[in-house]
Structure formats: structure tokens, C-alpha cells
C-alpha atoms as a PDB file:
ATOM      1  CA  MET A   1      87.614  13.610  28.491  1.00  0.00           C
ATOM      2  CA  LYS A   2      89.680  16.292  30.229  1.00  0.00           C
ATOM      3  CA  LYS A   3      92.583  15.589  27.887  1.00  0.00           C
ATOM      4  CA  LEU A   4      90.329  16.040  24.881  1.00  0.00           C
ATOM      5  CA  ILE A   5      89.072  19.377  26.175  1.00  0.00           C
ATOM      6  CA  LEU A   6      92.631  20.546  26.933  1.00  0.00           C
ATOM      7  CA  ILE A   7      93.810  19.538  23.467  1.00  0.00           C
ATOM      8  CA  LEU A   8      90.870  21.359  21.895  1.00  0.00           C
ATOM      9  CA  ILE A   9      91.542  24.516  23.925  1.00  0.00           C
ATOM     10  CA  PHE A  10      95.232  24.374  23.040  1.00  0.00           C
ATOM     11  CA  CYS A  11      94.517  23.980  19.327  1.00  0.00           C
ATOM     12  CA  LEU A  12      92.043  26.862  19.316  1.00  0.00           C
ATOM     13  CA  SER A  13      94.387  29.151  21.238  1.00  0.00           C
ATOM     14  CA  THR A  14      97.342  28.556  18.894  1.00  0.00           C
ATOM     15  CA  THR A  15      95.481  29.413  15.700  1.00  0.00           C
ATOM     16  CA  SER A  16      95.773  32.975  14.529  1.00  0.00           C
ATOM     17  CA  CYS A  17      92.672  35.104  14.243  1.00  0.00           C
ATOM     18  CA  THR A  18      94.432  37.718  12.143  1.00  0.00           C
ATOM     19  CA  GLN A  19      92.919  38.181   8.714  1.00  0.00           C
ATOM     20  CA  ILE A  20      95.285  38.733   5.806  1.00  0.00           C
ATOM     21  CA  ILE A  21      93.933  40.979   3.068  1.00  0.00           C
ATOM     22  CA  THR A  22      95.107  42.039  -0.378  1.00  0.00           C
ATOM     23  CA  LYS A  23      93.938  45.339  -1.804  1.00  0.00           C
ATOM     24  CA  ASN A  24      95.059  47.944  -4.310  1.00  0.00           C
ATOM     25  CA  VAL A  25      95.951  51.137  -2.451  1.00  0.00           C
ATOM     26  CA  PHE A  26      96.836  53.022  -5.653  1.00  0.00           C
ATOM     27  CA  GLU A  27      95.782  52.315  -9.231  1.00  0.00           C
ATOM     28  CA  LYS A  28      95.967  54.556 -12.275  1.00  0.00           C
ATOM     29  CA  ILE A  29      95.937  54.150 -16.066  1.00  0.00           C
ATOM     30  CA  TYR A  30      97.937  56.448 -18.351  1.00  0.00           C
ATOM     31  CA  SER A  31      97.857  57.105 -22.076  1.00  0.00           C
ATOM     32  CA  SER A  32     100.985  57.175 -24.236  1.00  0.00           C
ATOM     33  CA  THR A  33     101.169  60.970 -23.869  1.00  0.00           C
ATOM     34  CA  GLN A  34     101.228  60.686 -20.063  1.00  0.00           C
ATOM     35  CA  VAL A  35     104.280  58.440 -19.719  1.00  0.00           C
ATOM     36  CA  ASP A  36     106.252  61.136 -17.858  1.00  0.00           C
ATOM     37  CA  VAL A  37     103.417  61.525 -15.362  1.00  0.00           C
ATOM     38  CA  ALA A  38     103.354  57.739 -14.908  1.00  0.00           C
ATOM     39  CA  TYR A  39     107.075  57.622 -14.077  1.00  0.00           C
ATOM     40  CA  LYS A  40     106.685  60.486 -11.609  1.00  0.00           C
ATOM     41  CA  ASP A  41     103.809  58.658  -9.905  1.00  0.00           C
ATOM     42  CA  VAL A  42     105.902  55.480  -9.663  1.00  0.00           C
ATOM     43  CA  TYR A  43     108.740  57.175  -7.799  1.00  0.00           C
ATOM     44  CA  LYS A  44     106.359  59.265  -5.698  1.00  0.00           C
ATOM     45  CA  GLN A  45     104.514  56.128  -4.524  1.00  0.00           C
ATOM     46  CA  LEU A  46     107.796  54.334  -3.818  1.00  0.00           C
ATOM     47  CA  SER A  47     108.680  57.258  -1.560  1.00  0.00           C
ATOM     48  CA  VAL A  48     105.254  57.322   0.109  1.00  0.00           C
ATOM     49  CA  TYR A  49     105.498  53.658   1.105  1.00  0.00           C
ATOM     50  CA  GLY A  50     109.165  53.808   2.121  1.00  0.00           C
ATOM     51  CA  ALA A  51     110.474  51.591  -0.667  1.00  0.00           C
ATOM     52  CA  ASP A  52     113.867  51.982  -2.315  1.00  0.00           C
ATOM     53  CA  SER A  53     113.688  54.007  -5.520  1.00  0.00           C
ATOM     54  CA  ILE A  54     115.041  51.248  -7.741  1.00  0.00           C
ATOM     55  CA  PRO A  55     115.017  52.228 -11.445  1.00  0.00           C
ATOM     56  CA  LEU A  56     112.177  50.600 -13.412  1.00  0.00           C
ATOM     57  CA  GLU A  57     114.702  48.899 -15.689  1.00  0.00           C
ATOM     58  CA  LYS A  58     115.937  46.837 -12.713  1.00  0.00           C
ATOM     59  CA  TRP A  59     112.509  45.635 -11.557  1.00  0.00           C
ATOM     60  CA  LEU A  60     111.521  41.993 -12.131  1.00  0.00           C
ATOM     61  CA  THR A  61     110.185  41.866 -15.691  1.00  0.00           C
ATOM     62  CA  ASN A  62     107.527  39.694 -17.329  1.00  0.00           C
ATOM     63  CA  GLN A  63     106.823  39.964 -21.035  1.00  0.00           C
ATOM     64  CA  MET A  64     103.769  38.509 -22.758  1.00  0.00           C
ATOM     65  CA  ILE A  65     103.460  38.612 -26.530  1.00  0.00           C
ATOM     66  CA  SER A  66     100.507  37.739 -28.738  1.00  0.00           C
ATOM     67  CA  ASP A  67      99.908  38.358 -32.435  1.00  0.00           C
ATOM     68  CA  THR A  68      98.976  42.005 -31.984  1.00  0.00           C
ATOM     69  CA  THR A  69      99.745  42.927 -28.378  1.00  0.00           C
ATOM     70  CA  ILE A  70     102.841  43.115 -26.189  1.00  0.00           C
ATOM     71  CA  ILE A  71     102.443  43.393 -22.430  1.00  0.00           C
ATOM     72  CA  LEU A  72     105.547  44.320 -20.460  1.00  0.00           C
ATOM     73  CA  GLN A  73     105.075  44.109 -16.711  1.00  0.00           C
ATOM     74  CA  ARG A  74     107.625  45.229 -14.122  1.00  0.00           C
ATOM     75  CA  ILE A  75     107.286  44.323 -10.444  1.00  0.00           C
ATOM     76  CA  VAL A  76     109.115  45.193  -7.253  1.00  0.00           C
ATOM     77  CA  ARG A  77     108.104  44.265  -3.717  1.00  0.00           C
ATOM     78  CA  GLU A  78     108.785  45.958  -0.390  1.00  0.00           C
ATOM     79  CA  ASP A  79     108.469  43.642   2.612  1.00  0.00           C
ATOM     80  CA  ILE A  80     107.329  45.288   5.833  1.00  0.00           C
ATOM     81  CA  ASP A  81     107.382  42.150   7.978  1.00  0.00           C
ATOM     82  CA  LYS A  82     106.905  38.413   7.575  1.00  0.00           C
ATOM     83  CA  LYS A  83     103.267  38.676   6.425  1.00  0.00           C
ATOM     84  CA  THR A  84     103.009  42.274   5.207  1.00  0.00           C
ATOM     85  CA  ASN A  85     104.278  43.751   1.944  1.00  0.00           C
ATOM     86  CA  TYR A  86     103.627  46.244  -0.826  1.00  0.00           C
ATOM     87  CA  GLN A  87     103.875  45.210  -4.477  1.00  0.00           C
ATOM     88  CA  PHE A  88     104.504  47.878  -7.090  1.00  0.00           C
ATOM     89  CA  VAL A  89     103.370  46.790 -10.563  1.00  0.00           C
ATOM     90  CA  PHE A  90     104.022  48.911 -13.665  1.00  0.00           C
ATOM     91  CA  THR A  91     102.509  47.505 -16.862  1.00  0.00           C
ATOM     92  CA  GLU A  92     102.970  48.707 -20.438  1.00  0.00           C
ATOM     93  CA  TYR A  93     100.388  47.622 -23.027  1.00  0.00           C
ATOM     94  CA  LYS A  94     101.559  47.974 -26.646  1.00  0.00           C
ATOM     95  CA  TYR A  95      98.806  47.633 -29.203  1.00  0.00           C
ATOM     96  CA  PRO A  96      99.249  48.055 -32.983  1.00  0.00           C
ATOM     97  CA  LYS A  97      98.041  51.667 -32.944  1.00  0.00           C
ATOM     98  CA  SER A  98      98.480  52.785 -29.332  1.00  0.00           C
ATOM     99  CA  THR A  99     100.305  52.289 -26.050  1.00  0.00           C
ATOM    100  CA  SER A 100      98.968  52.627 -22.525  1.00  0.00           C
ATOM    101  CA  TYR A 101     100.371  52.185 -19.030  1.00  0.00           C
ATOM    102  CA  GLN A 102      98.998  51.041 -15.708  1.00  0.00           C
ATOM    103  CA  PHE A 103     100.539  51.457 -12.268  1.00  0.00           C
ATOM    104  CA  VAL A 104      99.247  49.590  -9.209  1.00  0.00           C
ATOM    105  CA  VAL A 105     100.407  49.555  -5.591  1.00  0.00           C
ATOM    106  CA  ARG A 106      99.054  46.423  -3.900  1.00  0.00           C
ATOM    107  CA  TYR A 107      99.026  45.894  -0.126  1.00  0.00           C
ATOM    108  CA  THR A 108      99.031  42.411   1.358  1.00  0.00           C
ATOM    109  CA  GLY A 109      98.920  42.075   5.121  1.00  0.00           C
ATOM    110  CA  LYS A 110      96.910  42.399   8.270  1.00  0.00           C
ATOM    111  CA  LYS A 111      93.525  44.043   8.085  1.00  0.00           C
END
């Protein structure tokens, strides 16, 4: 019985009580006429969160194409520690008659 209680106490003490959360700390949508503002916001946010200012063209790129829409998504991640990071996601939406952009900074880590 004592062994069972000791094993139970040991198991409970080794589990982490830290909650990991994911939340958007910055999110903005831009029209095609605001593309310069979008790029400025990207590099400003990289600076705010201490990430390297890697050119957008060198970010990891995903491209999704349908009959009428092209979505080009660029992602870069800045690791803070083993369980904490910031993801910077810049997305371009190309529709037949318009283009828009979205920029998101996503935090994943301890609460």
C-alpha cells in the first residue's frame, strides 16, 4: 500500500502543471493598395519580438491554387525556448478582381 501511494505521489509530482496556449498577438488585413503598409508592419513586428528580419522571399512558402483563387502563405518562426515560439504568417489572397493580404503574429507557449 505504501509503495502504491509513493508511486502515485511521484507520478503526480513529475507531471507539469504549466498550460501551453496559442494566441494571435497581432492580426491585420490589408487591401491591395496597402501592400507597403503591410510590409512595414511585418518588419516592425519582427523587430518588436526580437526575430531576425529575414526577407519575405526567404520565408517558408505554401501555395494553394483553386479555379479562381491563389493563396500564397509565407511563414517564419522564432523560437524563444523549447516550448515557446512566435510564428509570423504573411498571406496573400489573389482573387480574379482583387488582392488582399493578412499578417498574423501567433504566440505559442506558457500562459
